[in-house]
C-alpha atoms as a PDB file:
ATOM      1  CA  MET A   1      65.232 137.198 166.300  1.00  0.00           C
ATOM      2  CA  SER A   2      64.157 138.656 162.776  1.00  0.00           C
ATOM      3  CA  VAL A   3      60.886 137.126 162.819  1.00  0.00           C
ATOM      4  CA  ILE A   4      60.062 139.192 166.008  1.00  0.00           C
ATOM      5  CA  PHE A   5      61.403 142.040 164.174  1.00  0.00           C
ATOM      6  CA  ALA A   6      59.560 141.491 161.483  1.00  0.00           C
ATOM      7  CA  VAL A   7      56.176 141.202 163.439  1.00  0.00           C
ATOM      8  CA  CYS A   8      55.769 144.240 165.492  1.00  0.00           C
ATOM      9  CA  PRO A   9      54.682 146.426 163.609  1.00  0.00           C
ATOM     10  CA  TRP A  10      51.652 143.944 162.583  1.00  0.00           C
ATOM     11  CA  ILE A  11      51.348 143.960 166.612  1.00  0.00           C
ATOM     12  CA  VAL A  12      51.419 147.784 167.108  1.00  0.00           C
ATOM     13  CA  TYR A  13      48.956 148.112 163.988  1.00  0.00           C
ATOM     14  CA  ALA A  14      46.401 145.432 166.050  1.00  0.00           C
ATOM     15  CA  ILE A  15      46.719 147.603 169.331  1.00  0.00           C
ATOM     16  CA  VAL A  16      46.162 150.803 167.756  1.00  0.00           C
ATOM     17  CA  SER A  17      43.676 149.867 165.517  1.00  0.00           C
ATOM     18  CA  SER A  18      41.593 149.048 168.032  1.00  0.00           C
ATOM     19  CA  PHE A  19      41.159 152.774 169.469  1.00  0.00           C
ATOM     20  CA  THR A  20      41.886 154.908 166.344  1.00  0.00           C
ATOM     21  CA  SER A  21      41.199 154.952 162.475  1.00  0.00           C
ATOM     22  CA  VAL A  22      43.060 152.706 159.736  1.00  0.00           C
ATOM     23  CA  ALA A  23      44.903 155.271 158.464  1.00  0.00           C
ATOM     24  CA  VAL A  24      46.415 156.618 161.931  1.00  0.00           C
ATOM     25  CA  ALA A  25      46.983 153.037 163.011  1.00  0.00           C
ATOM     26  CA  SER A  26      48.576 152.356 160.151  1.00  0.00           C
ATOM     27  CA  LEU A  27      50.983 155.465 159.641  1.00  0.00           C
ATOM     28  CA  VAL A  28      51.711 154.593 163.433  1.00  0.00           C
ATOM     29  CA  SER A  29      52.714 151.320 162.315  1.00  0.00           C
ATOM     30  CA  GLY A  30      54.979 152.318 159.420  1.00  0.00           C
ATOM     31  CA  ALA A  31      56.783 154.227 161.594  1.00  0.00           C
ATOM     32  CA  ALA A  32      57.097 151.315 164.139  1.00  0.00           C
ATOM     33  CA  ALA A  33      58.763 149.572 160.857  1.00  0.00           C
ATOM     34  CA  LEU A  34      60.562 152.249 160.075  1.00  0.00           C
ATOM     35  CA  ILE A  35      62.027 152.474 163.555  1.00  0.00           C
ATOM     36  CA  LEU A  36      62.841 148.619 163.884  1.00  0.00           C
ATOM     37  CA  ILE A  37      64.816 149.025 160.170  1.00  0.00           C
ATOM     38  CA  GLY A  38      66.878 151.792 161.886  1.00  0.00           C
ATOM     39  CA  LEU A  39      67.561 149.751 164.989  1.00  0.00           C
ATOM     40  CA  ARG A  40      68.581 146.935 163.032  1.00  0.00           C
ATOM     41  CA  ILE A  41      70.737 148.666 160.341  1.00  0.00           C
ATOM     42  CA  ALA A  42      72.157 150.022 163.842  1.00  0.00           C
ATOM     43  CA  ARG A  43      73.016 146.504 165.134  1.00  0.00           C
ATOM     44  CA  GLY A  44      74.596 145.929 162.119  1.00  0.00           C
ATOM     45  CA  GLY A  45      72.146 144.299 160.455  1.00  0.00           C
ATOM     46  CA  ARG A  46      71.951 144.458 156.267  1.00  0.00           C
ATOM     47  CA  PRO A  47      68.884 145.829 154.701  1.00  0.00           C
ATOM     48  CA  ALA A  48      68.763 141.993 152.277  1.00  0.00           C
ATOM     49  CA  GLU A  49      67.567 140.776 155.753  1.00  0.00           C
ATOM     50  CA  MET A  50      65.021 142.912 155.856  1.00  0.00           C
ATOM     51  CA  THR A  51      63.094 141.844 152.969  1.00  0.00           C
ATOM     52  CA  ILE A  52      60.272 141.389 155.393  1.00  0.00           C
ATOM     53  CA  ASP A  53      60.436 144.668 157.659  1.00  0.00           C
ATOM     54  CA  ILE A  54      60.970 146.864 154.739  1.00  0.00           C
ATOM     55  CA  ALA A  55      58.162 145.428 152.792  1.00  0.00           C
ATOM     56  CA  SER A  56      55.801 146.147 155.837  1.00  0.00           C
ATOM     57  CA  ALA A  57      56.972 149.641 156.367  1.00  0.00           C
ATOM     58  CA  VAL A  58      55.742 150.473 152.493  1.00  0.00           C
ATOM     59  CA  PHE A  59      52.772 148.662 153.166  1.00  0.00           C
ATOM     60  CA  PHE A  60      51.468 150.379 156.125  1.00  0.00           C
ATOM     61  CA  ILE A  61      52.267 153.955 154.714  1.00  0.00           C
ATOM     62  CA  ALA A  62      50.432 153.332 151.604  1.00  0.00           C
ATOM     63  CA  ILE A  63      47.852 151.549 153.520  1.00  0.00           C
ATOM     64  CA  ALA A  64      47.915 155.013 155.994  1.00  0.00           C
ATOM     65  CA  VAL A  65      47.735 157.152 152.665  1.00  0.00           C
ATOM     66  CA  CYS A  66      44.772 154.924 150.994  1.00  0.00           C
ATOM     67  CA  ALA A  67      43.008 155.030 154.349  1.00  0.00           C
ATOM     68  CA  ALA A  68      43.339 158.807 154.805  1.00  0.00           C
ATOM     69  CA  ALA A  69      42.431 159.417 150.848  1.00  0.00           C
ATOM     70  CA  THR A  70      39.333 157.318 151.105  1.00  0.00           C
ATOM     71  CA  GLY A  71      38.364 157.617 154.523  1.00  0.00           C
ATOM     72  CA  SER A  72      36.293 154.514 154.329  1.00  0.00           C
ATOM     73  CA  ASP A  73      36.002 151.498 156.094  1.00  0.00           C
ATOM     74  CA  LEU A  74      36.390 149.013 153.254  1.00  0.00           C
ATOM     75  CA  VAL A  75      40.514 149.759 153.471  1.00  0.00           C
ATOM     76  CA  GLY A  76      40.043 148.666 157.071  1.00  0.00           C
ATOM     77  CA  ARG A  77      37.736 145.777 155.982  1.00  0.00           C
ATOM     78  CA  TYR A  78      40.754 144.128 153.680  1.00  0.00           C
ATOM     79  CA  ILE A  79      43.922 144.960 155.350  1.00  0.00           C
ATOM     80  CA  GLY A  80      44.305 141.846 156.936  1.00  0.00           C
ATOM     81  CA  ALA A  81      43.933 140.124 153.564  1.00  0.00           C
ATOM     82  CA  ALA A  82      45.782 142.771 151.744  1.00  0.00           C
ATOM     83  CA  SER A  83      49.036 142.301 154.109  1.00  0.00           C
ATOM     84  CA  GLU A  84      48.903 138.566 153.666  1.00  0.00           C
ATOM     85  CA  LEU A  85      48.669 138.845 149.615  1.00  0.00           C
ATOM     86  CA  TRP A  86      51.184 141.881 149.683  1.00  0.00           C
ATOM     87  CA  LEU A  87      53.893 139.715 151.446  1.00  0.00           C
ATOM     88  CA  ALA A  88      52.939 137.164 149.188  1.00  0.00           C
ATOM     89  CA  LEU A  89      53.536 139.576 146.191  1.00  0.00           C
ATOM     90  CA  VAL A  90      56.820 140.638 147.805  1.00  0.00           C
ATOM     91  CA  VAL A  91      58.234 136.542 148.362  1.00  0.00           C
ATOM     92  CA  ALA A  92      57.225 135.763 145.071  1.00  0.00           C
ATOM     93  CA  ILE A  93      58.889 138.113 143.371  1.00  0.00           C
ATOM     94  CA  GLY A  94      62.147 137.330 145.477  1.00  0.00           C
ATOM     95  CA  LEU A  95      61.801 133.924 143.964  1.00  0.00           C
ATOM     96  CA  ALA A  96      61.412 134.979 140.449  1.00  0.00           C
ATOM     97  CA  LEU A  97      64.553 136.955 140.759  1.00  0.00           C
ATOM     98  CA  SER A  98      65.980 134.133 142.534  1.00  0.00           C
ATOM     99  CA  ARG A  99      66.393 136.171 145.495  1.00  0.00           C
ATOM    100  CA  PRO A 100      64.946 133.914 148.323  1.00  0.00           C
ATOM    101  CA  PHE A 101      63.695 136.484 151.634  1.00  0.00           C
ATOM    102  CA  THR A 102      65.472 133.821 154.142  1.00  0.00           C
ATOM    103  CA  GLU A 103      68.501 133.901 152.213  1.00  0.00           C
ATOM    104  CA  PRO A 104      70.044 136.790 154.009  1.00  0.00           C
ATOM    105  CA  ILE A 105      68.798 135.924 157.364  1.00  0.00           C
ATOM    106  CA  ALA A 106      70.039 132.006 157.252  1.00  0.00           C
ATOM    107  CA  SER A 107      73.545 133.291 156.262  1.00  0.00           C
ATOM    108  CA  ARG A 108      73.911 134.324 159.573  1.00  0.00           C
ATOM    109  CA  GLU A 109      72.595 131.277 161.361  1.00  0.00           C
ATOM    110  CA  VAL A 110      75.350 128.949 159.248  1.00  0.00           C
ATOM    111  CA  PRO A 111      78.899 128.578 158.652  1.00  0.00           C
ATOM    112  CA  PRO A 112      80.344 130.890 155.903  1.00  0.00           C
ATOM    113  CA  GLU A 113      81.574 127.711 153.915  1.00  0.00           C
ATOM    114  CA  LEU A 114      77.721 126.423 153.196  1.00  0.00           C
ATOM    115  CA  HIS A 115      76.882 129.973 152.080  1.00  0.00           C
ATOM    116  CA  GLY A 116      76.548 130.058 148.553  1.00  0.00           C
ATOM    117  CA  THR A 117      76.095 126.205 148.170  1.00  0.00           C
ATOM    118  CA  ASP A 118      73.540 124.607 146.312  1.00  0.00           C
ATOM    119  CA  ALA A 119      72.163 122.567 149.179  1.00  0.00           C
ATOM    120  CA  PHE A 120      71.498 126.124 150.907  1.00  0.00           C
ATOM    121  CA  ARG A 121      69.806 127.517 148.356  1.00  0.00           C
ATOM    122  CA  LYS A 122      67.703 125.018 147.726  1.00  0.00           C
ATOM    123  CA  PHE A 123      66.684 124.847 151.651  1.00  0.00           C
ATOM    124  CA  ASN A 124      65.469 128.442 150.879  1.00  0.00           C
ATOM    125  CA  VAL A 125      64.162 128.171 147.967  1.00  0.00           C
ATOM    126  CA  LYS A 126      61.747 125.523 149.378  1.00  0.00           C
ATOM    127  CA  ILE A 127      61.599 127.129 152.892  1.00  0.00           C
ATOM    128  CA  THR A 128      60.660 130.749 151.025  1.00  0.00           C
ATOM    129  CA  LYS A 129      57.972 128.815 149.226  1.00  0.00           C
ATOM    130  CA  ALA A 130      56.218 127.440 152.145  1.00  0.00           C
ATOM    131  CA  TRP A 131      55.921 131.389 153.316  1.00  0.00           C
ATOM    132  CA  LEU A 132      54.907 132.286 150.145  1.00  0.00           C
ATOM    133  CA  GLY A 133      52.076 129.364 150.178  1.00  0.00           C
ATOM    134  CA  SER A 134      51.457 130.665 153.920  1.00  0.00           C
ATOM    135  CA  PHE A 135      50.805 133.908 153.023  1.00  0.00           C
ATOM    136  CA  LEU A 136      48.738 133.093 149.781  1.00  0.00           C
ATOM    137  CA  ALA A 137      46.477 131.104 151.624  1.00  0.00           C
ATOM    138  CA  ALA A 138      45.995 133.167 154.646  1.00  0.00           C
ATOM    139  CA  GLY A 139      45.398 136.307 152.267  1.00  0.00           C
ATOM    140  CA  LEU A 140      42.678 134.295 150.042  1.00  0.00           C
ATOM    141  CA  LEU A 141      41.122 132.510 153.068  1.00  0.00           C
ATOM    142  CA  ILE A 142      40.962 135.778 154.436  1.00  0.00           C
ATOM    143  CA  LEU A 143      39.005 137.437 151.093  1.00  0.00           C
ATOM    144  CA  VAL A 144      36.605 133.923 150.981  1.00  0.00           C
ATOM    145  CA  SER A 145      35.770 134.610 155.259  1.00  0.00           C
ATOM    146  CA  ILE A 146      34.962 138.240 153.988  1.00  0.00           C
ATOM    147  CA  ALA A 147      32.853 137.380 150.786  1.00  0.00           C
ATOM    148  CA  ILE A 148      30.882 134.549 153.023  1.00  0.00           C
ATOM    149  CA  LEU A 149      30.478 136.745 156.565  1.00  0.00           C
ATOM    150  CA  GLY A 150      30.973 140.024 155.139  1.00  0.00           C
ATOM    151  CA  PRO A 151      32.289 143.146 156.934  1.00  0.00           C
ATOM    152  CA  GLU A 152      32.722 140.416 160.157  1.00  0.00           C
ATOM    153  CA  GLY A 153      34.964 138.181 157.865  1.00  0.00           C
ATOM    154  CA  ARG A 154      37.532 140.223 158.834  1.00  0.00           C
ATOM    155  CA  PHE A 155      38.011 138.627 162.176  1.00  0.00           C
ATOM    156  CA  ALA A 156      39.265 135.632 160.308  1.00  0.00           C
ATOM    157  CA  THR A 157      42.496 137.778 160.207  1.00  0.00           C
ATOM    158  CA  TYR A 158      43.321 137.560 164.191  1.00  0.00           C
ATOM    159  CA  VAL A 159      43.427 133.828 163.572  1.00  0.00           C
ATOM    160  CA  LEU A 160      44.981 133.497 160.298  1.00  0.00           C
ATOM    161  CA  ILE A 161      47.598 135.955 160.478  1.00  0.00           C
ATOM    162  CA  PRO A 162      49.368 134.280 163.472  1.00  0.00           C
ATOM    163  CA  ILE A 163      48.854 130.713 161.344  1.00  0.00           C
ATOM    164  CA  SER A 164      50.421 132.181 158.745  1.00  0.00           C
ATOM    165  CA  ILE A 165      53.839 133.207 160.304  1.00  0.00           C
ATOM    166  CA  LEU A 166      53.502 130.244 162.719  1.00  0.00           C
ATOM    167  CA  VAL A 167      53.392 127.701 159.721  1.00  0.00           C
ATOM    168  CA  PRO A 168      56.459 128.338 157.931  1.00  0.00           C
ATOM    169  CA  VAL A 169      58.255 129.631 161.317  1.00  0.00           C
ATOM    170  CA  ARG A 170      57.743 125.482 162.180  1.00  0.00           C
ATOM    171  CA  TYR A 171      58.324 124.226 158.974  1.00  0.00           C
ATOM    172  CA  THR A 172      61.637 125.844 158.973  1.00  0.00           C
ATOM    173  CA  ALA A 173      62.715 124.605 162.176  1.00  0.00           C
ATOM    174  CA  TYR A 174      61.612 120.938 161.413  1.00  0.00           C
ATOM    175  CA  LEU A 175      63.709 121.544 158.175  1.00  0.00           C
ATOM    176  CA  ALA A 176      66.354 122.369 159.484  1.00  0.00           C
ATOM    177  CA  GLY A 177      66.711 119.623 162.106  1.00  0.00           C
ATOM    178  CA  LYS A 178      65.414 117.254 159.206  1.00  0.00           C
ATOM    179  CA  GLU A 179      68.817 119.064 157.667  1.00  0.00           C
ATOM    180  CA  ARG A 180      71.389 118.644 160.094  1.00  0.00           C
ATOM    181  CA  LEU A 181      70.481 115.073 160.456  1.00  0.00           C
ATOM    182  CA  ASP A 182      70.755 114.029 157.448  1.00  0.00           C
ATOM    183  CA  ALA A 183      74.117 115.960 157.314  1.00  0.00           C
ATOM    184  CA  VAL A 184      75.465 113.772 160.067  1.00  0.00           C
ATOM    185  CA  PRO A 185      77.296 110.294 158.970  1.00  0.00           C
ATOM    186  CA  ALA A 186      76.071 107.417 160.310  1.00  0.00           C
END
């Protein structure tokens, strides 16, 4: 469910940006992210579980300010690439600090005796690296599509962003199933 919450502000942006400016759409999306963070906290969520949500709120509010200040289409043209690269940076910083963003989320899904084990930590580092690679690849591919196709290249965003989420989600599910199978005695 946390992935659904994390993606909601991006869905809001996709809808709202279709009929208003980048600045307004970003502001609305930032507000949506903050509301969702508040709802998750009210349900007992911990901020450590909301790295992507918090990063999304910061991103959209910063984009709203930049778009309002510049009043240009340039921000809108690069927002897809910027969002993916921003998330890659957030995930990379977490890894550099030995705090994979998936670990607090995964700790809700496994028995407490597994928390803090080397296997649990390695698993989370592995899937967090998958998220990092996915965000980074999507961001760079969006930039390449804009470089090649000009402003129309931003439409690659509509394909690459969902893929950048689906691939690590599926990879995580695959690894989780594999780890469970490996843990079952023969």
